[in-house]
Amino acid sequence: MSKMANLMCLNLQQRLPILATVYPSCSRLATTKAQRNWNSGFRTPRRRALGLGVSVWLQFMSMASAGGSKHFIASARQKGAVEEALKNVEWPEQFPFKEEDFQRFDESPDSLFYEAPRFVTHIDDPAIAALTKYYSEALPPSNTPGVSILDMCSSWVSHFPKGYKQDRIVGLGMNEDELKRNPVLTEYVVQDLNLNPKLPFEDNSFDVITNVVSVDYLTKPLDIFKEMSRILKPGGQAIMSFSNRCFWTKAISIWTSTGDADHALIVGSYFHYAGGFQPPQAVDISPNPGRSDPMYIVFSRKASTA
């Protein structure tokens, strides 16, 4: 490691207590309306020893801006910066994150954590309404012939518009009882993507892939995003939505150690380094900033073949 890199790491370690106050915490998911109200002022403490990849990366990109890279570290700290986070990014040549960036506080088998069904919503009602409205505009119209959708990391609800139907809507998730209850699904697959990131579908199978508040749990994101590119039809769209709520013990360390604009950069980097996707874009659909759960979208389309 170079002398400059050593100095950067030392500076970051000294600033860890400050970073913990700059970034909003990723709270444990609420389970009921009553519990959400009880938890409204509660935020679990952030891990401070892991997940430094994004902060180091942003510092590096800021320092390198004089050499031609785009300077986005300032905007990543400003209000409303999520939509700006993926504009004019000069990506490093290599994927900037390390194996330790995808560690979790709880490394016990995910199958145990998700063994019991959770028939609850993981974002509040205004955030759900905002996501459903976004889907109503972004998804193919209901009952469009030949359309296939994969709801990845699915559960008992997908937050699609009421009455939404397609010939094929596949749910891939961790708990069979939850998937059985999901009324929008035409079929489902139970699979732990952190154990097996290989998606069990043919090439060019889906028009849309959705993922709701679960991208932060993926420990092998590049493998999964490469698979997403493989199974999407040319021009097909992948929609990753997220908030600042999560099961923090199961979220990857670069997520729990950073804030919303950095999260957009993280997800955008998955699209970029997986290959086969158009430049990713970020959208802030938060319905009541500061008063209800925030809601963000990072999306991209599979590059069309010539």
C-alpha atoms as a PDB file:
ATOM      1  CA  MET A   1       0.000   0.000   0.000  1.00  0.00           C
ATOM      2  CA  SER A   2       1.318   3.459  -0.886  1.00  0.00           C
ATOM      3  CA  LYS A   3       2.157   6.093   1.701  1.00  0.00           C
ATOM      4  CA  MET A   4      -0.806   8.183   0.520  1.00  0.00           C
ATOM      5  CA  ALA A   5      -3.187   5.229   0.881  1.00  0.00           C
ATOM      6  CA  ASN A   6      -1.878   4.579   4.390  1.00  0.00           C
ATOM      7  CA  LEU A   7      -2.534   8.190   5.308  1.00  0.00           C
ATOM      8  CA  MET A   8      -6.069   7.944   3.886  1.00  0.00           C
ATOM      9  CA  CYS A   9      -6.826   4.847   5.958  1.00  0.00           C
ATOM     10  CA  LEU A  10      -5.424   6.450   9.114  1.00  0.00           C
ATOM     11  CA  ASN A  11      -7.474   9.587   8.513  1.00  0.00           C
ATOM     12  CA  LEU A  12     -10.610   7.507   7.989  1.00  0.00           C
ATOM     13  CA  GLN A  13     -10.084   5.553  11.192  1.00  0.00           C
ATOM     14  CA  GLN A  14      -9.745   8.819  13.106  1.00  0.00           C
ATOM     15  CA  ARG A  15     -13.003  10.070  11.571  1.00  0.00           C
ATOM     16  CA  LEU A  16     -15.112   6.979  12.301  1.00  0.00           C
ATOM     17  CA  PRO A  17     -17.024   8.559  15.202  1.00  0.00           C
ATOM     18  CA  ILE A  18     -17.808  11.511  12.938  1.00  0.00           C
ATOM     19  CA  LEU A  19     -18.982   9.292  10.089  1.00  0.00           C
ATOM     20  CA  ALA A  20     -21.398   7.608  12.462  1.00  0.00           C
ATOM     21  CA  THR A  21     -23.193  10.927  12.910  1.00  0.00           C
ATOM     22  CA  VAL A  22     -23.010  12.045   9.266  1.00  0.00           C
ATOM     23  CA  TYR A  23     -24.735   8.999   7.817  1.00  0.00           C
ATOM     24  CA  PRO A  24     -28.272   8.010   8.832  1.00  0.00           C
ATOM     25  CA  SER A  25     -28.386   4.609  10.507  1.00  0.00           C
ATOM     26  CA  CYS A  26     -29.936   1.594   8.879  1.00  0.00           C
ATOM     27  CA  SER A  27     -32.564   0.623  11.407  1.00  0.00           C
ATOM     28  CA  ARG A  28     -33.980  -2.817  11.951  1.00  0.00           C
ATOM     29  CA  LEU A  29     -37.076  -3.294   9.830  1.00  0.00           C
ATOM     30  CA  ALA A  30     -40.362  -2.465  11.489  1.00  0.00           C
ATOM     31  CA  THR A  31     -42.784  -5.365  11.768  1.00  0.00           C
ATOM     32  CA  THR A  32     -46.174  -3.787  12.458  1.00  0.00           C
ATOM     33  CA  LYS A  33     -47.602  -0.281  12.449  1.00  0.00           C
ATOM     34  CA  ALA A  34     -47.524  -0.231  16.254  1.00  0.00           C
ATOM     35  CA  GLN A  35     -43.905  -1.362  16.309  1.00  0.00           C
ATOM     36  CA  ARG A  36     -43.014   1.161  13.612  1.00  0.00           C
ATOM     37  CA  ASN A  37     -44.475   3.925  15.754  1.00  0.00           C
ATOM     38  CA  TRP A  38     -42.586   2.640  18.799  1.00  0.00           C
ATOM     39  CA  ASN A  39     -39.381   2.441  16.771  1.00  0.00           C
ATOM     40  CA  SER A  40     -39.816   5.788  15.042  1.00  0.00           C
ATOM     41  CA  GLY A  41     -37.111   7.414  17.110  1.00  0.00           C
ATOM     42  CA  PHE A  42     -34.885   4.365  17.465  1.00  0.00           C
ATOM     43  CA  ARG A  43     -31.800   3.680  15.404  1.00  0.00           C
ATOM     44  CA  THR A  44     -29.488   0.775  15.998  1.00  0.00           C
ATOM     45  CA  PRO A  45     -25.799   1.596  16.412  1.00  0.00           C
ATOM     46  CA  ARG A  46     -23.653   1.375  13.304  1.00  0.00           C
ATOM     47  CA  ARG A  47     -20.724  -0.966  12.960  1.00  0.00           C
ATOM     48  CA  ARG A  48     -17.581   1.115  12.861  1.00  0.00           C
ATOM     49  CA  ALA A  49     -14.896  -1.480  12.174  1.00  0.00           C
ATOM     50  CA  LEU A  50     -16.110  -2.839   8.834  1.00  0.00           C
ATOM     51  CA  GLY A  51     -17.460  -1.485   5.609  1.00  0.00           C
ATOM     52  CA  LEU A  52     -14.962   1.242   4.841  1.00  0.00           C
ATOM     53  CA  GLY A  53     -14.808   0.558   1.112  1.00  0.00           C
ATOM     54  CA  VAL A  54     -17.189   3.256  -0.077  1.00  0.00           C
ATOM     55  CA  SER A  55     -15.770   5.984   2.127  1.00  0.00           C
ATOM     56  CA  VAL A  56     -12.237   5.165   1.017  1.00  0.00           C
ATOM     57  CA  TRP A  57     -13.384   4.996  -2.587  1.00  0.00           C
ATOM     58  CA  LEU A  58     -15.124   8.367  -2.420  1.00  0.00           C
ATOM     59  CA  GLN A  59     -12.087   9.961  -0.798  1.00  0.00           C
ATOM     60  CA  PHE A  60      -9.876   8.474  -3.485  1.00  0.00           C
ATOM     61  CA  MET A  61     -12.178   9.708  -6.268  1.00  0.00           C
ATOM     62  CA  SER A  62     -12.209  13.167  -4.716  1.00  0.00           C
ATOM     63  CA  MET A  63      -8.418  13.273  -4.532  1.00  0.00           C
ATOM     64  CA  ALA A  64      -8.151  11.953  -8.074  1.00  0.00           C
ATOM     65  CA  SER A  65     -10.529  14.544  -9.510  1.00  0.00           C
ATOM     66  CA  ALA A  66      -7.663  16.843 -10.371  1.00  0.00           C
ATOM     67  CA  GLY A  67      -6.384  14.113 -12.671  1.00  0.00           C
ATOM     68  CA  GLY A  68      -9.553  14.009 -14.735  1.00  0.00           C
ATOM     69  CA  SER A  69     -12.049  11.961 -12.683  1.00  0.00           C
ATOM     70  CA  LYS A  70     -15.440  13.489 -11.902  1.00  0.00           C
ATOM     71  CA  HIS A  71     -15.686  14.985  -8.431  1.00  0.00           C
ATOM     72  CA  PHE A  72     -18.857  13.729  -6.802  1.00  0.00           C
ATOM     73  CA  ILE A  73     -17.924  13.436  -3.138  1.00  0.00           C
ATOM     74  CA  ALA A  74     -19.323  16.877  -2.325  1.00  0.00           C
ATOM     75  CA  SER A  75     -22.703  16.215  -3.931  1.00  0.00           C
ATOM     76  CA  ALA A  76     -22.876  12.833  -2.201  1.00  0.00           C
ATOM     77  CA  ARG A  77     -23.175  14.672   1.114  1.00  0.00           C
ATOM     78  CA  GLN A  78     -25.809  17.204   0.071  1.00  0.00           C
ATOM     79  CA  LYS A  79     -29.569  17.031   0.392  1.00  0.00           C
ATOM     80  CA  GLY A  80     -31.274  15.418  -2.596  1.00  0.00           C
ATOM     81  CA  ALA A  81     -27.983  14.071  -3.923  1.00  0.00           C
ATOM     82  CA  VAL A  82     -29.180  10.527  -4.636  1.00  0.00           C
ATOM     83  CA  GLU A  83     -30.337  11.443  -8.146  1.00  0.00           C
ATOM     84  CA  GLU A  84     -27.007  13.168  -8.829  1.00  0.00           C
ATOM     85  CA  ALA A  85     -24.849  10.335  -7.485  1.00  0.00           C
ATOM     86  CA  LEU A  86     -24.771   8.371 -10.740  1.00  0.00           C
ATOM     87  CA  LYS A  87     -24.438  11.276 -13.157  1.00  0.00           C
ATOM     88  CA  ASN A  88     -21.113  11.646 -14.991  1.00  0.00           C
ATOM     89  CA  VAL A  89     -19.318   9.062 -12.877  1.00  0.00           C
ATOM     90  CA  GLU A  90     -15.799   8.120 -13.915  1.00  0.00           C
ATOM     91  CA  TRP A  91     -15.692   4.567 -12.597  1.00  0.00           C
ATOM     92  CA  PRO A  92     -12.344   3.130 -11.456  1.00  0.00           C
ATOM     93  CA  GLU A  93     -10.967   0.537 -13.842  1.00  0.00           C
ATOM     94  CA  GLN A  94     -11.433  -2.292 -11.341  1.00  0.00           C
ATOM     95  CA  PHE A  95     -14.307  -3.057  -8.975  1.00  0.00           C
ATOM     96  CA  PRO A  96     -13.273  -0.983  -5.925  1.00  0.00           C
ATOM     97  CA  PHE A  97     -14.699  -3.157  -3.147  1.00  0.00           C
ATOM     98  CA  LYS A  98     -13.063  -5.986  -1.244  1.00  0.00           C
ATOM     99  CA  GLU A  99     -14.341  -9.232   0.234  1.00  0.00           C
ATOM    100  CA  GLU A 100     -14.533  -7.719   3.713  1.00  0.00           C
ATOM    101  CA  ASP A 101     -16.906  -5.031   2.427  1.00  0.00           C
ATOM    102  CA  PHE A 102     -19.531  -7.761   2.009  1.00  0.00           C
ATOM    103  CA  GLN A 103     -19.243  -9.220   5.482  1.00  0.00           C
ATOM    104  CA  ARG A 104     -22.186  -9.004   7.866  1.00  0.00           C
ATOM    105  CA  PHE A 105     -22.443  -8.625  11.609  1.00  0.00           C
ATOM    106  CA  ASP A 106     -24.388 -11.907  11.629  1.00  0.00           C
ATOM    107  CA  GLU A 107     -22.730 -14.512   9.409  1.00  0.00           C
ATOM    108  CA  SER A 108     -24.971 -17.370  10.550  1.00  0.00           C
ATOM    109  CA  PRO A 109     -26.847 -19.181   7.730  1.00  0.00           C
ATOM    110  CA  ASP A 110     -29.459 -16.965   6.123  1.00  0.00           C
ATOM    111  CA  SER A 111     -31.763 -19.982   5.918  1.00  0.00           C
ATOM    112  CA  LEU A 112     -32.056 -19.862   9.719  1.00  0.00           C
ATOM    113  CA  PHE A 113     -32.737 -16.128   9.792  1.00  0.00           C
ATOM    114  CA  TYR A 114     -35.503 -16.388   7.189  1.00  0.00           C
ATOM    115  CA  GLU A 115     -36.877 -19.735   8.382  1.00  0.00           C
ATOM    116  CA  ALA A 116     -39.930 -18.193  10.049  1.00  0.00           C
ATOM    117  CA  PRO A 117     -42.267 -16.258   7.742  1.00  0.00           C
ATOM    118  CA  ARG A 118     -42.663 -12.526   8.300  1.00  0.00           C
ATOM    119  CA  PHE A 119     -46.074 -11.413   7.084  1.00  0.00           C
ATOM    120  CA  VAL A 120     -45.240  -7.760   7.605  1.00  0.00           C
ATOM    121  CA  THR A 121     -44.289  -4.775   5.491  1.00  0.00           C
ATOM    122  CA  HIS A 122     -40.709  -3.550   5.670  1.00  0.00           C
ATOM    123  CA  ILE A 123     -41.281   0.076   4.675  1.00  0.00           C
ATOM    124  CA  ASP A 124     -44.065   2.380   5.810  1.00  0.00           C
ATOM    125  CA  ASP A 125     -47.294   3.008   3.919  1.00  0.00           C
ATOM    126  CA  PRO A 126     -46.262   6.248   2.149  1.00  0.00           C
ATOM    127  CA  ALA A 127     -43.064   4.598   0.877  1.00  0.00           C
ATOM    128  CA  ILE A 128     -45.068   1.593  -0.334  1.00  0.00           C
ATOM    129  CA  ALA A 129     -47.496   3.907  -2.136  1.00  0.00           C
ATOM    130  CA  ALA A 130     -44.598   5.751  -3.779  1.00  0.00           C
ATOM    131  CA  LEU A 131     -43.050   2.506  -4.993  1.00  0.00           C
ATOM    132  CA  THR A 132     -46.378   1.210  -6.301  1.00  0.00           C
ATOM    133  CA  LYS A 133     -46.902   4.478  -8.180  1.00  0.00           C
ATOM    134  CA  TYR A 134     -43.425   4.170  -9.693  1.00  0.00           C
ATOM    135  CA  TYR A 135     -44.164   0.602 -10.768  1.00  0.00           C
ATOM    136  CA  SER A 136     -47.439   1.733 -12.376  1.00  0.00           C
ATOM    137  CA  GLU A 137     -45.392   3.942 -14.686  1.00  0.00           C
ATOM    138  CA  ALA A 138     -42.290   1.785 -15.159  1.00  0.00           C
ATOM    139  CA  LEU A 139     -43.686  -1.730 -15.578  1.00  0.00           C
ATOM    140  CA  PRO A 140     -45.319  -2.976 -18.784  1.00  0.00           C
ATOM    141  CA  PRO A 141     -49.104  -2.493 -18.688  1.00  0.00           C
ATOM    142  CA  SER A 142     -51.035  -5.249 -16.983  1.00  0.00           C
ATOM    143  CA  ASN A 143     -51.865  -8.267 -19.164  1.00  0.00           C
ATOM    144  CA  THR A 144     -49.342  -7.388 -21.884  1.00  0.00           C
ATOM    145  CA  PRO A 145     -48.938 -10.541 -24.009  1.00  0.00           C
ATOM    146  CA  GLY A 146     -45.613 -12.337 -23.591  1.00  0.00           C
ATOM    147  CA  VAL A 147     -44.310 -10.296 -20.654  1.00  0.00           C
ATOM    148  CA  SER A 148     -42.301 -12.103 -17.967  1.00  0.00           C
ATOM    149  CA  ILE A 149     -41.219 -10.503 -14.677  1.00  0.00           C
ATOM    150  CA  LEU A 150     -38.874 -11.784 -11.970  1.00  0.00           C
ATOM    151  CA  ASP A 151     -39.405 -10.409  -8.479  1.00  0.00           C
ATOM    152  CA  MET A 152     -36.037 -11.207  -6.901  1.00  0.00           C
ATOM    153  CA  CYS A 153     -35.758 -11.539  -3.107  1.00  0.00           C
ATOM    154  CA  SER A 154     -39.538 -11.680  -3.088  1.00  0.00           C
ATOM    155  CA  SER A 155     -41.872 -12.237  -0.162  1.00  0.00           C
ATOM    156  CA  TRP A 156     -45.637 -12.247   0.463  1.00  0.00           C
ATOM    157  CA  VAL A 157     -46.088  -8.853  -1.232  1.00  0.00           C
ATOM    158  CA  SER A 158     -44.402  -7.327  -4.276  1.00  0.00           C
ATOM    159  CA  HIS A 159     -45.931  -3.818  -4.123  1.00  0.00           C
ATOM    160  CA  PHE A 160     -47.052  -4.004  -7.761  1.00  0.00           C
ATOM    161  CA  PRO A 161     -50.208  -2.016  -8.638  1.00  0.00           C
ATOM    162  CA  LYS A 162     -53.465  -3.514  -7.397  1.00  0.00           C
ATOM    163  CA  GLY A 163     -54.743  -6.179  -9.761  1.00  0.00           C
ATOM    164  CA  TYR A 164     -51.523  -6.215 -11.779  1.00  0.00           C
ATOM    165  CA  LYS A 165     -51.178  -9.372 -13.881  1.00  0.00           C
ATOM    166  CA  GLN A 166     -48.860 -10.837 -16.485  1.00  0.00           C
ATOM    167  CA  ASP A 167     -48.618 -14.285 -18.030  1.00  0.00           C
ATOM    168  CA  ARG A 168     -45.508 -14.962 -15.958  1.00  0.00           C
ATOM    169  CA  ILE A 169     -44.465 -13.316 -12.690  1.00  0.00           C
ATOM    170  CA  VAL A 170     -41.872 -15.372 -10.843  1.00  0.00           C
ATOM    171  CA  GLY A 171     -40.977 -14.792  -7.223  1.00  0.00           C
ATOM    172  CA  LEU A 172     -37.547 -15.861  -5.996  1.00  0.00           C
ATOM    173  CA  GLY A 173     -37.157 -15.673  -2.240  1.00  0.00           C
ATOM    174  CA  MET A 174     -36.070 -17.322   0.985  1.00  0.00           C
ATOM    175  CA  ASN A 175     -39.340 -18.356   2.635  1.00  0.00           C
ATOM    176  CA  GLU A 176     -41.846 -20.624   0.902  1.00  0.00           C
ATOM    177  CA  ASP A 177     -44.743 -19.708   3.175  1.00  0.00           C
ATOM    178  CA  GLU A 178     -44.331 -16.053   2.248  1.00  0.00           C
ATOM    179  CA  LEU A 179     -44.059 -16.784  -1.470  1.00  0.00           C
ATOM    180  CA  LYS A 180     -47.196 -18.938  -1.398  1.00  0.00           C
ATOM    181  CA  ARG A 181     -49.147 -15.977   0.002  1.00  0.00           C
ATOM    182  CA  ASN A 182     -48.039 -13.541  -2.727  1.00  0.00           C
ATOM    183  CA  PRO A 183     -51.128 -13.049  -4.959  1.00  0.00           C
ATOM    184  CA  VAL A 184     -49.251 -11.524  -7.905  1.00  0.00           C
ATOM    185  CA  LEU A 185     -46.930 -14.492  -8.483  1.00  0.00           C
ATOM    186  CA  THR A 186     -47.673 -17.166 -11.071  1.00  0.00           C
ATOM    187  CA  GLU A 187     -44.764 -19.323  -9.793  1.00  0.00           C
ATOM    188  CA  TYR A 188     -41.985 -19.156  -7.256  1.00  0.00           C
ATOM    189  CA  VAL A 189     -38.502 -20.481  -6.460  1.00  0.00           C
ATOM    190  CA  VAL A 190     -36.972 -20.815  -2.986  1.00  0.00           C
ATOM    191  CA  GLN A 191     -33.249 -20.043  -3.170  1.00  0.00           C
ATOM    192  CA  ASP A 192     -30.531 -18.452  -1.049  1.00  0.00           C
ATOM    193  CA  LEU A 193     -28.675 -16.187  -3.469  1.00  0.00           C
ATOM    194  CA  ASN A 194     -25.847 -15.696  -1.004  1.00  0.00           C
ATOM    195  CA  LEU A 195     -25.139 -19.427  -1.191  1.00  0.00           C
ATOM    196  CA  ASN A 196     -25.978 -19.916  -4.859  1.00  0.00           C
ATOM    197  CA  PRO A 197     -26.052 -16.777  -7.008  1.00  0.00           C
ATOM    198  CA  LYS A 198     -26.830 -18.741 -10.157  1.00  0.00           C
ATOM    199  CA  LEU A 199     -30.354 -17.806 -11.260  1.00  0.00           C
ATOM    200  CA  PRO A 200     -32.297 -20.918 -12.391  1.00  0.00           C
ATOM    201  CA  PHE A 201     -33.674 -19.438 -15.602  1.00  0.00           C
ATOM    202  CA  GLU A 202     -32.895 -19.538 -19.305  1.00  0.00           C
ATOM    203  CA  ASP A 203     -31.041 -16.772 -21.116  1.00  0.00           C
ATOM    204  CA  ASN A 204     -33.171 -13.817 -22.271  1.00  0.00           C
ATOM    205  CA  SER A 205     -36.189 -14.922 -20.216  1.00  0.00           C
ATOM    206  CA  PHE A 206     -37.460 -11.774 -18.508  1.00  0.00           C
ATOM    207  CA  ASP A 207     -38.597  -8.298 -19.495  1.00  0.00           C
ATOM    208  CA  VAL A 208     -38.217  -6.873 -15.974  1.00  0.00           C
ATOM    209  CA  ILE A 209     -36.432  -7.807 -12.758  1.00  0.00           C
ATOM    210  CA  THR A 210     -37.551  -6.093  -9.546  1.00  0.00           C
ATOM    211  CA  ASN A 211     -35.929  -6.116  -6.119  1.00  0.00           C
ATOM    212  CA  VAL A 212     -37.430  -4.347  -3.106  1.00  0.00           C
ATOM    213  CA  VAL A 213     -35.321  -3.335  -0.081  1.00  0.00           C
ATOM    214  CA  SER A 214     -33.089  -6.398  -0.418  1.00  0.00           C
ATOM    215  CA  VAL A 215     -30.103  -5.404  -2.536  1.00  0.00           C
ATOM    216  CA  ASP A 216     -28.279  -4.513   0.684  1.00  0.00           C
ATOM    217  CA  TYR A 217     -28.235  -8.173   1.764  1.00  0.00           C
ATOM    218  CA  LEU A 218     -26.438  -9.540  -1.308  1.00  0.00           C
ATOM    219  CA  THR A 219     -22.941 -10.793  -0.499  1.00  0.00           C
ATOM    220  CA  LYS A 220     -22.130 -11.809  -4.087  1.00  0.00           C
ATOM    221  CA  PRO A 221     -23.675  -8.880  -5.970  1.00  0.00           C
ATOM    222  CA  LEU A 222     -21.480  -8.989  -9.065  1.00  0.00           C
ATOM    223  CA  ASP A 223     -22.279 -12.657  -9.645  1.00  0.00           C
ATOM    224  CA  ILE A 224     -25.978 -11.956  -9.243  1.00  0.00           C
ATOM    225  CA  PHE A 225     -25.983  -8.874 -11.475  1.00  0.00           C
ATOM    226  CA  LYS A 226     -24.145 -10.818 -14.186  1.00  0.00           C
ATOM    227  CA  GLU A 227     -26.880 -13.427 -13.906  1.00  0.00           C
ATOM    228  CA  MET A 228     -29.497 -10.696 -14.136  1.00  0.00           C
ATOM    229  CA  SER A 229     -27.918  -9.501 -17.369  1.00  0.00           C
ATOM    230  CA  ARG A 230     -27.933 -13.044 -18.717  1.00  0.00           C
ATOM    231  CA  ILE A 231     -31.618 -13.747 -18.048  1.00  0.00           C
ATOM    232  CA  LEU A 232     -32.968 -10.326 -19.087  1.00  0.00           C
ATOM    233  CA  LYS A 233     -34.135  -9.911 -22.639  1.00  0.00           C
ATOM    234  CA  PRO A 234     -32.197  -7.299 -24.649  1.00  0.00           C
ATOM    235  CA  GLY A 235     -33.559  -3.937 -23.521  1.00  0.00           C
ATOM    236  CA  GLY A 236     -35.061  -5.527 -20.419  1.00  0.00           C
ATOM    237  CA  GLN A 237     -35.075  -3.461 -17.249  1.00  0.00           C
ATOM    238  CA  ALA A 238     -33.776  -4.155 -13.733  1.00  0.00           C
ATOM    239  CA  ILE A 239     -35.282  -2.019 -10.944  1.00  0.00           C
ATOM    240  CA  MET A 240     -33.536  -2.022  -7.573  1.00  0.00           C
ATOM    241  CA  SER A 241     -35.436  -0.141  -4.852  1.00  0.00           C
ATOM    242  CA  PHE A 242     -34.183   0.578  -1.353  1.00  0.00           C
ATOM    243  CA  SER A 243     -34.776   2.684   1.736  1.00  0.00           C
ATOM    244  CA  ASN A 244     -32.682   3.257   4.848  1.00  0.00           C
ATOM    245  CA  ARG A 245     -34.383   0.451   6.770  1.00  0.00           C
ATOM    246  CA  CYS A 246     -32.951  -3.053   7.001  1.00  0.00           C
ATOM    247  CA  PHE A 247     -32.131  -5.979   9.219  1.00  0.00           C
ATOM    248  CA  TRP A 248     -28.813  -4.348  10.039  1.00  0.00           C
ATOM    249  CA  THR A 249     -27.171  -7.544  11.296  1.00  0.00           C
ATOM    250  CA  LYS A 250     -27.707  -9.136   7.877  1.00  0.00           C
ATOM    251  CA  ALA A 251     -26.910  -6.141   5.679  1.00  0.00           C
ATOM    252  CA  ILE A 252     -23.427  -5.949   4.163  1.00  0.00           C
ATOM    253  CA  SER A 253     -20.950  -3.729   5.950  1.00  0.00           C
ATOM    254  CA  ILE A 254     -20.501  -1.168   3.161  1.00  0.00           C
ATOM    255  CA  TRP A 255     -24.245  -0.544   3.379  1.00  0.00           C
ATOM    256  CA  THR A 256     -24.557  -0.097   7.127  1.00  0.00           C
ATOM    257  CA  SER A 257     -21.474   2.133   7.180  1.00  0.00           C
ATOM    258  CA  THR A 258     -22.648   4.620   4.543  1.00  0.00           C
ATOM    259  CA  GLY A 259     -25.571   6.853   3.607  1.00  0.00           C
ATOM    260  CA  ASP A 260     -28.244   7.088   0.949  1.00  0.00           C
ATOM    261  CA  ALA A 261     -26.263   8.723  -1.867  1.00  0.00           C
ATOM    262  CA  ASP A 262     -23.430   6.242  -1.320  1.00  0.00           C
ATOM    263  CA  HIS A 263     -25.984   3.428  -1.513  1.00  0.00           C
ATOM    264  CA  ALA A 264     -26.955   4.625  -4.985  1.00  0.00           C
ATOM    265  CA  LEU A 265     -23.277   4.526  -5.951  1.00  0.00           C
ATOM    266  CA  ILE A 266     -22.915   1.024  -4.547  1.00  0.00           C
ATOM    267  CA  VAL A 267     -25.874  -0.326  -6.521  1.00  0.00           C
ATOM    268  CA  GLY A 268     -24.794   1.606  -9.603  1.00  0.00           C
ATOM    269  CA  SER A 269     -21.370   0.005  -9.360  1.00  0.00           C
ATOM    270  CA  TYR A 270     -22.963  -3.450  -9.449  1.00  0.00           C
ATOM    271  CA  PHE A 271     -24.618  -2.641 -12.763  1.00  0.00           C
ATOM    272  CA  HIS A 272     -21.459  -1.084 -14.168  1.00  0.00           C
ATOM    273  CA  TYR A 273     -18.978  -3.807 -13.239  1.00  0.00           C
ATOM    274  CA  ALA A 274     -21.317  -6.710 -14.012  1.00  0.00           C
ATOM    275  CA  GLY A 275     -21.273  -5.636 -17.647  1.00  0.00           C
ATOM    276  CA  GLY A 276     -24.024  -5.848 -20.230  1.00  0.00           C
ATOM    277  CA  PHE A 277     -26.051  -2.949 -18.815  1.00  0.00           C
ATOM    278  CA  GLN A 278     -26.616   0.615 -19.934  1.00  0.00           C
ATOM    279  CA  PRO A 279     -25.336   3.315 -17.535  1.00  0.00           C
ATOM    280  CA  PRO A 280     -27.428   3.059 -14.354  1.00  0.00           C
ATOM    281  CA  GLN A 281     -29.650   5.901 -13.165  1.00  0.00           C
ATOM    282  CA  ALA A 282     -30.939   6.853  -9.733  1.00  0.00           C
ATOM    283  CA  VAL A 283     -34.354   8.280  -8.816  1.00  0.00           C
ATOM    284  CA  ASP A 284     -35.504   9.649  -5.463  1.00  0.00           C
ATOM    285  CA  ILE A 285     -39.190   8.788  -5.011  1.00  0.00           C
ATOM    286  CA  SER A 286     -39.312   9.577  -1.284  1.00  0.00           C
ATOM    287  CA  PRO A 287     -42.898  10.704  -0.614  1.00  0.00           C
ATOM    288  CA  ASN A 288     -42.423  12.849   2.506  1.00  0.00           C
ATOM    289  CA  PRO A 289     -38.743  13.628   3.065  1.00  0.00           C
ATOM    290  CA  GLY A 290     -37.978  13.669   6.777  1.00  0.00           C
ATOM    291  CA  ARG A 291     -41.467  12.479   7.749  1.00  0.00           C
ATOM    292  CA  SER A 292     -41.697   8.951   6.360  1.00  0.00           C
ATOM    293  CA  ASP A 293     -39.359   6.282   5.059  1.00  0.00           C
ATOM    294  CA  PRO A 294     -37.231   7.459   2.128  1.00  0.00           C
ATOM    295  CA  MET A 295     -37.469   5.474  -1.091  1.00  0.00           C
ATOM    296  CA  TYR A 296     -34.899   5.311  -3.874  1.00  0.00           C
ATOM    297  CA  ILE A 297     -34.594   3.538  -7.202  1.00  0.00           C
ATOM    298  CA  VAL A 298     -31.466   2.570  -9.109  1.00  0.00           C
ATOM    299  CA  PHE A 299     -32.314   1.079 -12.489  1.00  0.00           C
ATOM    300  CA  SER A 300     -30.729   0.074 -15.745  1.00  0.00           C
ATOM    301  CA  ARG A 301     -31.545  -1.760 -18.952  1.00  0.00           C
ATOM    302  CA  LYS A 302     -29.731  -4.640 -20.534  1.00  0.00           C
ATOM    303  CA  ALA A 303     -27.804  -3.394 -23.530  1.00  0.00           C
ATOM    304  CA  SER A 304     -29.575  -4.332 -26.778  1.00  0.00           C
ATOM    305  CA  THR A 305     -27.723  -6.636 -29.126  1.00  0.00           C
ATOM    306  CA  ALA A 306     -26.826  -5.361 -32.581  1.00  0.00           C
END
